[in-house]
C-alpha atoms as a PDB file:
ATOM      1  CA  MET A   1      -1.487   3.202  21.950  1.00  0.00           C
ATOM      2  CA  ILE A   2      -1.281   6.718  20.655  1.00  0.00           C
ATOM      3  CA  PHE A   3      -2.637   7.427  17.164  1.00  0.00           C
ATOM      4  CA  ILE A   4      -1.941  10.662  15.243  1.00  0.00           C
ATOM      5  CA  ASN A   5      -5.190  12.759  15.311  1.00  0.00           C
ATOM      6  CA  VAL A   6      -5.481  13.923  11.731  1.00  0.00           C
ATOM      7  CA  LYS A   7      -7.663  16.981  12.440  1.00  0.00           C
ATOM      8  CA  THR A   8      -5.284  18.235  15.195  1.00  0.00           C
ATOM      9  CA  ILE A   9      -2.231  17.885  13.092  1.00  0.00           C
ATOM     10  CA  ARG A  10      -3.897  19.622  10.146  1.00  0.00           C
ATOM     11  CA  LYS A  11      -4.801  22.510  12.436  1.00  0.00           C
ATOM     12  CA  ILE A  12      -1.177  22.952  13.583  1.00  0.00           C
ATOM     13  CA  ILE A  13       0.205  22.570  10.102  1.00  0.00           C
ATOM     14  CA  ASN A  14      -2.281  25.031   8.617  1.00  0.00           C
ATOM     15  CA  PHE A  15      -1.531  27.533  11.398  1.00  0.00           C
ATOM     16  CA  PHE A  16       2.120  27.652  10.437  1.00  0.00           C
ATOM     17  CA  LEU A  17       1.275  27.619   6.739  1.00  0.00           C
ATOM     18  CA  ASP A  18      -0.999  30.602   7.139  1.00  0.00           C
ATOM     19  CA  LEU A  19       2.007  32.447   8.584  1.00  0.00           C
ATOM     20  CA  ILE A  20       4.248  31.413   5.768  1.00  0.00           C
ATOM     21  CA  TYR A  21       1.673  32.365   3.072  1.00  0.00           C
ATOM     22  CA  LEU A  22       1.927  36.007   4.229  1.00  0.00           C
ATOM     23  CA  THR A  23       5.631  36.062   3.334  1.00  0.00           C
ATOM     24  CA  PRO A  24       7.742  35.739   0.195  1.00  0.00           C
ATOM     25  CA  LEU A  25       8.876  32.335   1.554  1.00  0.00           C
ATOM     26  CA  LYS A  26       5.572  30.719   0.502  1.00  0.00           C
ATOM     27  CA  LYS A  27       6.578  29.434  -2.994  1.00  0.00           C
ATOM     28  CA  PRO A  28      10.060  28.116  -2.199  1.00  0.00           C
ATOM     29  CA  PHE A  29       8.587  26.498   1.082  1.00  0.00           C
ATOM     30  CA  LEU A  30       5.847  24.745  -0.875  1.00  0.00           C
ATOM     31  CA  TRP A  31       8.371  23.559  -3.507  1.00  0.00           C
ATOM     32  CA  LEU A  32      10.638  22.118  -0.735  1.00  0.00           C
ATOM     33  CA  LEU A  33       7.610  20.507   1.035  1.00  0.00           C
ATOM     34  CA  SER A  34       6.644  18.544  -2.104  1.00  0.00           C
ATOM     35  CA  ARG A  35      10.179  17.057  -2.228  1.00  0.00           C
ATOM     36  CA  LEU A  36      10.335  15.576   1.243  1.00  0.00           C
ATOM     37  CA  PRO A  37       9.832  11.767   1.553  1.00  0.00           C
ATOM     38  CA  PHE A  38       6.259  11.926   2.707  1.00  0.00           C
ATOM     39  CA  ASP A  39       5.272   8.691   0.954  1.00  0.00           C
ATOM     40  CA  TYR A  40       7.644   6.937   3.317  1.00  0.00           C
ATOM     41  CA  LEU A  41       6.604   8.953   6.317  1.00  0.00           C
ATOM     42  CA  TYR A  42       2.797   8.284   5.663  1.00  0.00           C
ATOM     43  CA  GLY A  43       3.463   4.548   5.684  1.00  0.00           C
ATOM     44  CA  HIS A  44       5.229   4.683   9.077  1.00  0.00           C
ATOM     45  CA  LEU A  45       3.755   7.468  10.956  1.00  0.00           C
ATOM     46  CA  TRP A  46       0.389   8.582   9.483  1.00  0.00           C
ATOM     47  CA  VAL A  47      -2.133   5.979  10.715  1.00  0.00           C
ATOM     48  CA  ASN A  48      -5.775   6.942  11.129  1.00  0.00           C
ATOM     49  CA  SER A  49      -7.401   5.792  14.293  1.00  0.00           C
ATOM     50  CA  PRO A  50      -9.907   2.852  14.176  1.00  0.00           C
ATOM     51  CA  GLU A  51     -12.684   5.186  15.341  1.00  0.00           C
ATOM     52  CA  TYR A  52     -11.990   7.417  12.235  1.00  0.00           C
ATOM     53  CA  TYR A  53     -12.323   4.479   9.876  1.00  0.00           C
ATOM     54  CA  LEU A  54     -15.530   3.245  11.547  1.00  0.00           C
ATOM     55  CA  LYS A  55     -17.109   6.706  11.958  1.00  0.00           C
ATOM     56  CA  SER A  56     -16.233   7.676   8.277  1.00  0.00           C
ATOM     57  CA  PHE A  57     -18.038   4.546   7.097  1.00  0.00           C
ATOM     58  CA  GLN A  58     -21.058   4.748   9.274  1.00  0.00           C
ATOM     59  CA  ASP A  59     -21.560   8.571   9.275  1.00  0.00           C
ATOM     60  CA  ASP A  60     -20.484   9.300   5.709  1.00  0.00           C
ATOM     61  CA  PHE A  61     -19.890   6.630   3.199  1.00  0.00           C
ATOM     62  CA  SER A  62     -22.789   4.282   4.028  1.00  0.00           C
ATOM     63  CA  LYS A  63     -25.263   7.253   3.988  1.00  0.00           C
ATOM     64  CA  LYS A  64     -24.063   8.234   0.508  1.00  0.00           C
ATOM     65  CA  ILE A  65     -24.503   4.578  -0.615  1.00  0.00           C
ATOM     66  CA  LYS A  66     -28.083   4.796   0.490  1.00  0.00           C
ATOM     67  CA  LYS A  67     -28.705   8.214  -1.120  1.00  0.00           C
ATOM     68  CA  ALA A  68     -27.287   6.895  -4.390  1.00  0.00           C
ATOM     69  CA  LYS A  69     -29.641   3.906  -4.052  1.00  0.00           C
ATOM     70  CA  LEU A  70     -26.769   1.393  -4.308  1.00  0.00           C
ATOM     71  CA  THR A  71     -26.126  -1.805  -2.451  1.00  0.00           C
ATOM     72  CA  TYR A  72     -23.040  -3.727  -1.636  1.00  0.00           C
ATOM     73  CA  LYS A  73     -24.845  -6.921  -0.669  1.00  0.00           C
ATOM     74  CA  ASN A  74     -23.739  -9.850  -2.818  1.00  0.00           C
ATOM     75  CA  LYS A  75     -21.558  -7.573  -4.810  1.00  0.00           C
ATOM     76  CA  HIS A  76     -17.854  -7.774  -5.885  1.00  0.00           C
ATOM     77  CA  ILE A  77     -16.390  -4.426  -4.764  1.00  0.00           C
ATOM     78  CA  LEU A  78     -13.140  -2.843  -5.878  1.00  0.00           C
ATOM     79  CA  GLU A  79     -11.643   0.080  -3.866  1.00  0.00           C
ATOM     80  CA  ILE A  80      -9.188   2.164  -5.754  1.00  0.00           C
ATOM     81  CA  GLY A  81      -6.239   3.561  -3.710  1.00  0.00           C
ATOM     82  CA  SER A  82      -7.038   1.748  -0.475  1.00  0.00           C
ATOM     83  CA  GLY A  83      -3.455   1.676   0.852  1.00  0.00           C
ATOM     84  CA  SER A  84      -2.130  -1.307   2.788  1.00  0.00           C
ATOM     85  CA  SER A  85      -5.164  -1.723   5.046  1.00  0.00           C
ATOM     86  CA  PHE A  86      -8.268  -3.620   4.260  1.00  0.00           C
ATOM     87  CA  GLY A  87     -10.066  -0.763   6.058  1.00  0.00           C
ATOM     88  CA  TRP A  88     -13.749  -0.709   5.132  1.00  0.00           C
ATOM     89  CA  GLY A  89     -13.414  -4.053   3.391  1.00  0.00           C
ATOM     90  CA  TYR A  90     -13.948  -5.787   6.720  1.00  0.00           C
ATOM     91  CA  ILE A  91     -17.289  -4.035   7.176  1.00  0.00           C
ATOM     92  CA  PHE A  92     -18.301  -4.729   3.579  1.00  0.00           C
ATOM     93  CA  ILE A  93     -17.836  -8.433   4.078  1.00  0.00           C
ATOM     94  CA  LEU A  94     -19.659  -8.383   7.416  1.00  0.00           C
ATOM     95  CA  LEU A  95     -22.568  -6.652   5.901  1.00  0.00           C
ATOM     96  CA  GLY A  96     -22.978  -9.013   2.971  1.00  0.00           C
ATOM     97  CA  ALA A  97     -20.569  -8.129   0.197  1.00  0.00           C
ATOM     98  CA  LYS A  98     -19.582 -11.170  -1.883  1.00  0.00           C
ATOM     99  CA  ILE A  99     -15.970 -10.103  -2.339  1.00  0.00           C
ATOM    100  CA  TYR A 100     -13.952  -6.966  -1.450  1.00  0.00           C
ATOM    101  CA  THR A 101     -10.761  -6.159  -3.417  1.00  0.00           C
ATOM    102  CA  ALA A 102      -8.447  -3.566  -2.055  1.00  0.00           C
ATOM    103  CA  SER A 103      -6.092  -2.071  -4.611  1.00  0.00           C
ATOM    104  CA  ASP A 104      -3.199   0.379  -4.768  1.00  0.00           C
ATOM    105  CA  LYS A 105      -0.338   1.191  -7.089  1.00  0.00           C
ATOM    106  CA  ILE A 106       2.256   0.205  -4.537  1.00  0.00           C
ATOM    107  CA  ARG A 107       1.940  -1.950  -1.489  1.00  0.00           C
ATOM    108  CA  SER A 108       4.785  -2.542   0.910  1.00  0.00           C
ATOM    109  CA  ALA A 109       5.715  -6.202   1.421  1.00  0.00           C
ATOM    110  CA  ASN A 110       6.073  -5.547   5.136  1.00  0.00           C
ATOM    111  CA  MET A 111       3.861  -3.379   7.337  1.00  0.00           C
ATOM    112  CA  SER A 112       5.393  -1.305  10.116  1.00  0.00           C
ATOM    113  CA  GLN A 113       4.585  -2.369  13.682  1.00  0.00           C
ATOM    114  CA  ARG A 114       2.598   0.805  14.036  1.00  0.00           C
ATOM    115  CA  ALA A 115       0.433  -0.074  10.998  1.00  0.00           C
ATOM    116  CA  ILE A 116      -0.086  -3.613  12.262  1.00  0.00           C
ATOM    117  CA  ASN A 117      -1.121  -2.345  15.685  1.00  0.00           C
ATOM    118  CA  ALA A 118      -3.537   0.076  14.067  1.00  0.00           C
ATOM    119  CA  GLU A 119      -5.030  -2.689  11.833  1.00  0.00           C
ATOM    120  CA  LEU A 120      -5.494  -5.013  14.903  1.00  0.00           C
ATOM    121  CA  SER A 121      -7.219  -2.181  16.758  1.00  0.00           C
ATOM    122  CA  LEU A 122      -9.536  -1.559  13.763  1.00  0.00           C
ATOM    123  CA  ILE A 123     -10.400  -5.223  13.565  1.00  0.00           C
ATOM    124  CA  LYS A 124     -11.175  -5.317  17.291  1.00  0.00           C
ATOM    125  CA  LEU A 125     -13.360  -2.311  17.062  1.00  0.00           C
ATOM    126  CA  ILE A 126     -15.290  -3.652  14.115  1.00  0.00           C
ATOM    127  CA  GLU A 127     -15.699  -7.102  15.773  1.00  0.00           C
ATOM    128  CA  LYS A 128     -17.116  -5.361  18.833  1.00  0.00           C
ATOM    129  CA  THR A 129     -19.414  -3.140  16.793  1.00  0.00           C
ATOM    130  CA  TYR A 130     -20.857  -5.807  14.448  1.00  0.00           C
ATOM    131  CA  HIS A 131     -20.577  -8.805  16.855  1.00  0.00           C
ATOM    132  CA  GLN A 132     -18.814 -10.881  14.265  1.00  0.00           C
ATOM    133  CA  LYS A 133     -15.378 -12.560  14.162  1.00  0.00           C
ATOM    134  CA  ILE A 134     -12.655 -11.278  11.745  1.00  0.00           C
ATOM    135  CA  LEU A 135      -9.161 -12.147  13.249  1.00  0.00           C
ATOM    136  CA  ASN A 136      -8.149 -15.634  12.364  1.00  0.00           C
ATOM    137  CA  LYS A 137     -11.312 -16.142  10.412  1.00  0.00           C
ATOM    138  CA  TYR A 138     -10.763 -13.623   7.517  1.00  0.00           C
ATOM    139  CA  VAL A 139      -7.210 -12.429   8.162  1.00  0.00           C
ATOM    140  CA  SER A 140      -4.030 -13.235  10.157  1.00  0.00           C
ATOM    141  CA  PHE A 141      -0.685 -11.493  10.652  1.00  0.00           C
ATOM    142  CA  GLN A 142       2.670 -13.235  10.003  1.00  0.00           C
ATOM    143  CA  ASN A 143       6.100 -11.722   9.865  1.00  0.00           C
ATOM    144  CA  HIS A 144       4.795  -8.095   9.570  1.00  0.00           C
ATOM    145  CA  LYS A 145       2.444  -9.079   6.783  1.00  0.00           C
ATOM    146  CA  ILE A 146      -1.287  -9.252   6.612  1.00  0.00           C
ATOM    147  CA  LYS A 147      -2.657 -12.478   5.146  1.00  0.00           C
ATOM    148  CA  SER A 148      -6.166 -13.028   3.949  1.00  0.00           C
ATOM    149  CA  LEU A 149      -7.687 -16.396   4.944  1.00  0.00           C
ATOM    150  CA  THR A 150     -10.703 -16.054   2.602  1.00  0.00           C
ATOM    151  CA  ASP A 151     -11.501 -15.340  -1.042  1.00  0.00           C
ATOM    152  CA  LYS A 152     -13.875 -12.726   0.305  1.00  0.00           C
ATOM    153  CA  LEU A 153     -10.905 -10.354   1.089  1.00  0.00           C
ATOM    154  CA  ASN A 154      -8.066  -9.894  -1.375  1.00  0.00           C
ATOM    155  CA  PHE A 155      -5.546  -7.268  -2.610  1.00  0.00           C
ATOM    156  CA  GLN A 156      -4.736  -6.298  -6.150  1.00  0.00           C
ATOM    157  CA  VAL A 157      -1.580  -4.268  -7.092  1.00  0.00           C
ATOM    158  CA  LEU A 158      -3.181  -1.879  -9.523  1.00  0.00           C
ATOM    159  CA  ASP A 159      -2.166   1.388 -11.254  1.00  0.00           C
ATOM    160  CA  ILE A 160      -5.476   2.638 -12.485  1.00  0.00           C
ATOM    161  CA  THR A 161      -3.894   5.151 -14.756  1.00  0.00           C
ATOM    162  CA  THR A 162      -1.924   2.701 -16.900  1.00  0.00           C
ATOM    163  CA  ASP A 163      -3.030   2.076 -20.446  1.00  0.00           C
ATOM    164  CA  GLN A 164      -2.459  -1.634 -20.126  1.00  0.00           C
ATOM    165  CA  LEU A 165      -4.564  -3.488 -17.604  1.00  0.00           C
ATOM    166  CA  ASN A 166      -3.807  -7.251 -16.927  1.00  0.00           C
ATOM    167  CA  ILE A 167      -6.927  -7.778 -14.850  1.00  0.00           C
ATOM    168  CA  LYS A 168      -9.653 -10.060 -16.125  1.00  0.00           C
ATOM    169  CA  THR A 169     -12.044  -9.645 -13.130  1.00  0.00           C
ATOM    170  CA  LYS A 170     -15.166  -7.699 -13.526  1.00  0.00           C
ATOM    171  CA  TYR A 171     -16.672  -5.812 -10.653  1.00  0.00           C
ATOM    172  CA  ASP A 172     -20.270  -4.742  -9.597  1.00  0.00           C
ATOM    173  CA  LEU A 173     -19.154  -1.647  -7.785  1.00  0.00           C
ATOM    174  CA  ILE A 174     -15.955   0.494  -7.848  1.00  0.00           C
ATOM    175  CA  ILE A 175     -15.311   3.009  -5.078  1.00  0.00           C
ATOM    176  CA  SER A 176     -12.712   5.564  -4.151  1.00  0.00           C
ATOM    177  CA  ASN A 177     -12.248   8.055  -1.293  1.00  0.00           C
ATOM    178  CA  ALA A 178     -10.031  11.142  -1.841  1.00  0.00           C
ATOM    179  CA  VAL A 179      -8.133   9.489  -4.814  1.00  0.00           C
ATOM    180  CA  PHE A 180      -9.256  11.128  -8.019  1.00  0.00           C
ATOM    181  CA  GLU A 181      -7.877  14.503  -7.197  1.00  0.00           C
ATOM    182  CA  HIS A 182      -4.336  13.071  -6.848  1.00  0.00           C
ATOM    183  CA  LEU A 183      -4.246  11.441 -10.263  1.00  0.00           C
ATOM    184  CA  PRO A 184      -2.141  13.258 -12.793  1.00  0.00           C
ATOM    185  CA  LYS A 185      -4.316  15.601 -14.848  1.00  0.00           C
ATOM    186  CA  ASP A 186      -3.298  14.022 -18.206  1.00  0.00           C
ATOM    187  CA  LYS A 187      -4.102  10.532 -16.894  1.00  0.00           C
ATOM    188  CA  VAL A 188      -7.604  11.013 -15.345  1.00  0.00           C
ATOM    189  CA  ASN A 189      -9.446  10.097 -18.581  1.00  0.00           C
ATOM    190  CA  GLN A 190      -7.392   6.817 -18.882  1.00  0.00           C
ATOM    191  CA  ALA A 191      -8.252   5.993 -15.300  1.00  0.00           C
ATOM    192  CA  ILE A 192     -11.925   6.438 -16.081  1.00  0.00           C
ATOM    193  CA  LYS A 193     -11.644   4.225 -19.202  1.00  0.00           C
ATOM    194  CA  ASN A 194      -9.885   1.580 -17.111  1.00  0.00           C
ATOM    195  CA  MET A 195     -12.705   1.684 -14.503  1.00  0.00           C
ATOM    196  CA  ARG A 196     -15.278   1.282 -17.182  1.00  0.00           C
ATOM    197  CA  THR A 197     -13.313  -1.719 -18.442  1.00  0.00           C
ATOM    198  CA  LEU A 198     -13.215  -3.201 -14.975  1.00  0.00           C
ATOM    199  CA  LEU A 199     -16.991  -2.748 -14.388  1.00  0.00           C
ATOM    200  CA  LYS A 200     -19.658  -5.245 -15.391  1.00  0.00           C
ATOM    201  CA  PRO A 201     -22.207  -3.886 -17.830  1.00  0.00           C
ATOM    202  CA  GLY A 202     -24.641  -1.791 -15.817  1.00  0.00           C
ATOM    203  CA  GLY A 203     -22.180  -1.657 -12.919  1.00  0.00           C
ATOM    204  CA  TYR A 204     -21.819   1.272 -10.575  1.00  0.00           C
ATOM    205  CA  MET A 205     -19.195   3.594  -9.206  1.00  0.00           C
ATOM    206  CA  LEU A 206     -19.190   5.863  -6.209  1.00  0.00           C
ATOM    207  CA  HIS A 207     -16.411   8.305  -5.838  1.00  0.00           C
ATOM    208  CA  GLN A 208     -15.668  11.032  -3.126  1.00  0.00           C
ATOM    209  CA  ILE A 209     -13.332  13.650  -4.583  1.00  0.00           C
ATOM    210  CA  ASP A 210     -11.627  16.431  -2.551  1.00  0.00           C
ATOM    211  CA  LEU A 211     -11.330  19.514  -4.782  1.00  0.00           C
ATOM    212  CA  ARG A 212      -9.330  21.685  -2.478  1.00  0.00           C
ATOM    213  CA  ASP A 213      -5.698  22.840  -2.484  1.00  0.00           C
ATOM    214  CA  HIS A 214      -3.964  20.228  -0.229  1.00  0.00           C
ATOM    215  CA  PHE A 215      -1.071  22.438   0.715  1.00  0.00           C
ATOM    216  CA  ASN A 216      -3.278  24.458   3.111  1.00  0.00           C
ATOM    217  CA  LEU A 217      -6.905  23.581   3.618  1.00  0.00           C
ATOM    218  CA  ASN A 218      -7.510  27.101   5.123  1.00  0.00           C
ATOM    219  CA  LYS A 219      -6.826  28.410   1.664  1.00  0.00           C
ATOM    220  CA  PRO A 220      -8.730  25.761  -0.341  1.00  0.00           C
ATOM    221  CA  PHE A 221      -8.457  27.655  -3.714  1.00  0.00           C
ATOM    222  CA  ASP A 222      -5.033  29.179  -3.534  1.00  0.00           C
ATOM    223  CA  PHE A 223      -3.868  26.878  -6.353  1.00  0.00           C
ATOM    224  CA  TYR A 224      -5.996  28.881  -8.899  1.00  0.00           C
ATOM    225  CA  HIS A 225      -2.957  31.269  -9.023  1.00  0.00           C
ATOM    226  CA  TYR A 226      -0.725  28.995 -11.021  1.00  0.00           C
ATOM    227  CA  SER A 227      -0.455  27.849 -14.612  1.00  0.00           C
ATOM    228  CA  ASP A 228      -0.277  24.084 -15.181  1.00  0.00           C
ATOM    229  CA  LYS A 229       3.445  24.237 -15.759  1.00  0.00           C
ATOM    230  CA  GLU A 230       4.034  26.193 -12.531  1.00  0.00           C
ATOM    231  CA  TRP A 231       1.725  23.927 -10.535  1.00  0.00           C
ATOM    232  CA  ILE A 232       3.567  20.733 -11.688  1.00  0.00           C
ATOM    233  CA  ASN A 233       6.873  22.248 -10.863  1.00  0.00           C
ATOM    234  CA  LEU A 234       5.709  23.453  -7.495  1.00  0.00           C
ATOM    235  CA  THR A 235       4.093  20.249  -6.410  1.00  0.00           C
ATOM    236  CA  ASN A 236       6.432  17.719  -8.057  1.00  0.00           C
ATOM    237  CA  GLN A 237       3.215  15.550  -8.292  1.00  0.00           C
ATOM    238  CA  GLY A 238       3.950  14.500  -4.706  1.00  0.00           C
ATOM    239  CA  PRO A 239       1.392  13.872  -1.855  1.00  0.00           C
ATOM    240  CA  PHE A 240       0.254  17.530  -1.941  1.00  0.00           C
ATOM    241  CA  TYR A 241      -0.362  17.530  -5.665  1.00  0.00           C
ATOM    242  CA  THR A 242      -4.003  17.813  -6.856  1.00  0.00           C
ATOM    243  CA  ASN A 243      -4.898  17.935 -10.589  1.00  0.00           C
ATOM    244  CA  ARG A 244      -7.195  21.057 -10.017  1.00  0.00           C
ATOM    245  CA  LEU A 245      -9.980  19.591 -12.192  1.00  0.00           C
ATOM    246  CA  ARG A 246     -13.417  21.037 -11.378  1.00  0.00           C
ATOM    247  CA  THR A 247     -16.801  19.383 -11.091  1.00  0.00           C
ATOM    248  CA  SER A 248     -17.616  20.316 -14.760  1.00  0.00           C
ATOM    249  CA  ASP A 249     -14.405  18.588 -15.915  1.00  0.00           C
ATOM    250  CA  TYR A 250     -15.285  15.351 -14.140  1.00  0.00           C
ATOM    251  CA  LEU A 251     -18.790  15.363 -15.395  1.00  0.00           C
ATOM    252  CA  SER A 252     -17.605  15.811 -19.000  1.00  0.00           C
ATOM    253  CA  LEU A 253     -14.988  13.003 -18.608  1.00  0.00           C
ATOM    254  CA  PHE A 254     -17.455  10.618 -16.972  1.00  0.00           C
ATOM    255  CA  SER A 255     -20.005  11.230 -19.798  1.00  0.00           C
ATOM    256  CA  GLN A 256     -17.530  10.821 -22.521  1.00  0.00           C
ATOM    257  CA  ASN A 257     -16.615   7.441 -21.239  1.00  0.00           C
ATOM    258  CA  GLY A 258     -20.169   6.066 -21.097  1.00  0.00           C
ATOM    259  CA  PHE A 259     -21.332   6.792 -17.584  1.00  0.00           C
ATOM    260  CA  LYS A 260     -24.614   8.206 -16.419  1.00  0.00           C
ATOM    261  CA  VAL A 261     -24.802  10.218 -13.279  1.00  0.00           C
ATOM    262  CA  ILE A 262     -27.149   8.591 -10.716  1.00  0.00           C
ATOM    263  CA  TYR A 263     -26.406  10.829  -7.706  1.00  0.00           C
ATOM    264  CA  ARG A 264     -24.350  13.929  -7.156  1.00  0.00           C
ATOM    265  CA  SER A 265     -23.596  15.929  -4.001  1.00  0.00           C
ATOM    266  CA  GLN A 266     -21.394  19.031  -3.805  1.00  0.00           C
ATOM    267  CA  LYS A 267     -19.868  20.630  -0.776  1.00  0.00           C
ATOM    268  CA  MET A 268     -19.615  24.414  -1.297  1.00  0.00           C
ATOM    269  CA  SER A 269     -17.175  26.800   0.317  1.00  0.00           C
ATOM    270  CA  GLN A 270     -18.544  30.027   1.830  1.00  0.00           C
ATOM    271  CA  ILE A 271     -15.521  31.969   0.377  1.00  0.00           C
ATOM    272  CA  ASN A 272     -16.159  35.281  -1.327  1.00  0.00           C
ATOM    273  CA  ILE A 273     -15.948  34.556  -5.065  1.00  0.00           C
ATOM    274  CA  LYS A 274     -14.423  38.005  -5.786  1.00  0.00           C
ATOM    275  CA  SER A 275     -11.434  37.060  -3.614  1.00  0.00           C
ATOM    276  CA  ILE A 276     -10.774  34.216  -6.028  1.00  0.00           C
ATOM    277  CA  GLU A 277     -11.662  35.934  -9.285  1.00  0.00           C
ATOM    278  CA  ASN A 278      -9.132  38.638  -8.622  1.00  0.00           C
ATOM    279  CA  LYS A 279      -6.249  36.123  -8.455  1.00  0.00           C
ATOM    280  CA  LEU A 280      -7.304  33.703 -11.197  1.00  0.00           C
ATOM    281  CA  HIS A 281      -4.764  32.335 -13.642  1.00  0.00           C
ATOM    282  CA  PRO A 282      -6.364  32.832 -17.186  1.00  0.00           C
ATOM    283  CA  SER A 283      -6.756  29.078 -17.559  1.00  0.00           C
ATOM    284  CA  PHE A 284      -9.376  29.113 -14.789  1.00  0.00           C
ATOM    285  CA  GLN A 285     -11.430  32.050 -16.005  1.00  0.00           C
ATOM    286  CA  LYS A 286     -13.696  29.690 -18.054  1.00  0.00           C
ATOM    287  CA  TYR A 287     -15.282  28.198 -14.938  1.00  0.00           C
ATOM    288  CA  SER A 288     -18.521  29.328 -13.246  1.00  0.00           C
ATOM    289  CA  ALA A 289     -18.563  30.691  -9.740  1.00  0.00           C
ATOM    290  CA  LYS A 290     -20.142  27.484  -8.476  1.00  0.00           C
ATOM    291  CA  ASP A 291     -17.392  25.350 -10.111  1.00  0.00           C
ATOM    292  CA  LEU A 292     -14.650  27.598  -8.481  1.00  0.00           C
ATOM    293  CA  THR A 293     -16.119  27.435  -5.060  1.00  0.00           C
ATOM    294  CA  THR A 294     -16.928  23.750  -4.856  1.00  0.00           C
ATOM    295  CA  ARG A 295     -14.581  21.992  -2.343  1.00  0.00           C
ATOM    296  CA  GLY A 296     -15.890  18.483  -2.460  1.00  0.00           C
ATOM    297  CA  LEU A 297     -17.716  16.233  -4.829  1.00  0.00           C
ATOM    298  CA  THR A 298     -19.464  12.812  -4.285  1.00  0.00           C
ATOM    299  CA  ILE A 299     -20.731  11.206  -7.399  1.00  0.00           C
ATOM    300  CA  SER A 300     -22.406   7.889  -8.186  1.00  0.00           C
ATOM    301  CA  LEU A 301     -22.457   6.619 -11.817  1.00  0.00           C
ATOM    302  CA  ARG A 302     -23.676   3.753 -13.757  1.00  0.00           C
ATOM    303  CA  ARG A 303     -21.976   2.198 -16.843  1.00  0.00           C
ATOM    304  CA  ILE A 304     -24.416   2.574 -19.743  1.00  0.00           C
ATOM    305  CA  LYS A 305     -22.241   1.640 -22.671  1.00  0.00           C
END
């Protein structure tokens, strides 16, 4: 079975984008790119390999859990923006989590055969790695649908940005991976309020946020050129849209909503700050050099109110 190698595809796409960025075609091309049916294409074509899921958990996420001094054992965990796969949920359950709830705004009733094959391969790899049974114990597949066979794994349709939540469950830990940056800028505050509502008093969150321009990762801060109005029109709030909030913005919003930072890690770009400052839209001139050159943020928080 052939999986799309995400890194290879990004290199190819970014190579052609780099060429386009040097021409007057850049802006109309990005406008058009944001209006293609990528949500549909992602569901049928863009499937991460099982090795990617496992490696990202073992080499990245689990280490950050430890650095933040958090635990998922005997915890009820909610993942925001998990897609149709249970993904890391299988590992959480095998390692002692009480319940894992995957959530997303939209979940297709039927999975493509490619997505099912990928999920089965992921399950097989996790079973081999952790020497425990998953298939037909925790999940099964029927008529292009994945079915949970246990209360330990479940899925919740959830738009975290809505101002009316119909969920009574309270969680010990809420996580997300590359989700926050895609939320509409004017709805991020509501999303944080909702997460606070869904957390038990004293509960924790761990979020990994990608702060780069998603059109071309070789030019991670190109989006500083545009006003909010231009950016929304250009991106159509599609899959390449990012809200362009900086670390200082997130810290302020989390604090306002009753969260205390427990652990914070920032990935910095080695880009020359002067190359950014010369092209800044006035709305970004308020930010520090560190804020402007931060490309990734991992943050752990505790609900204190």
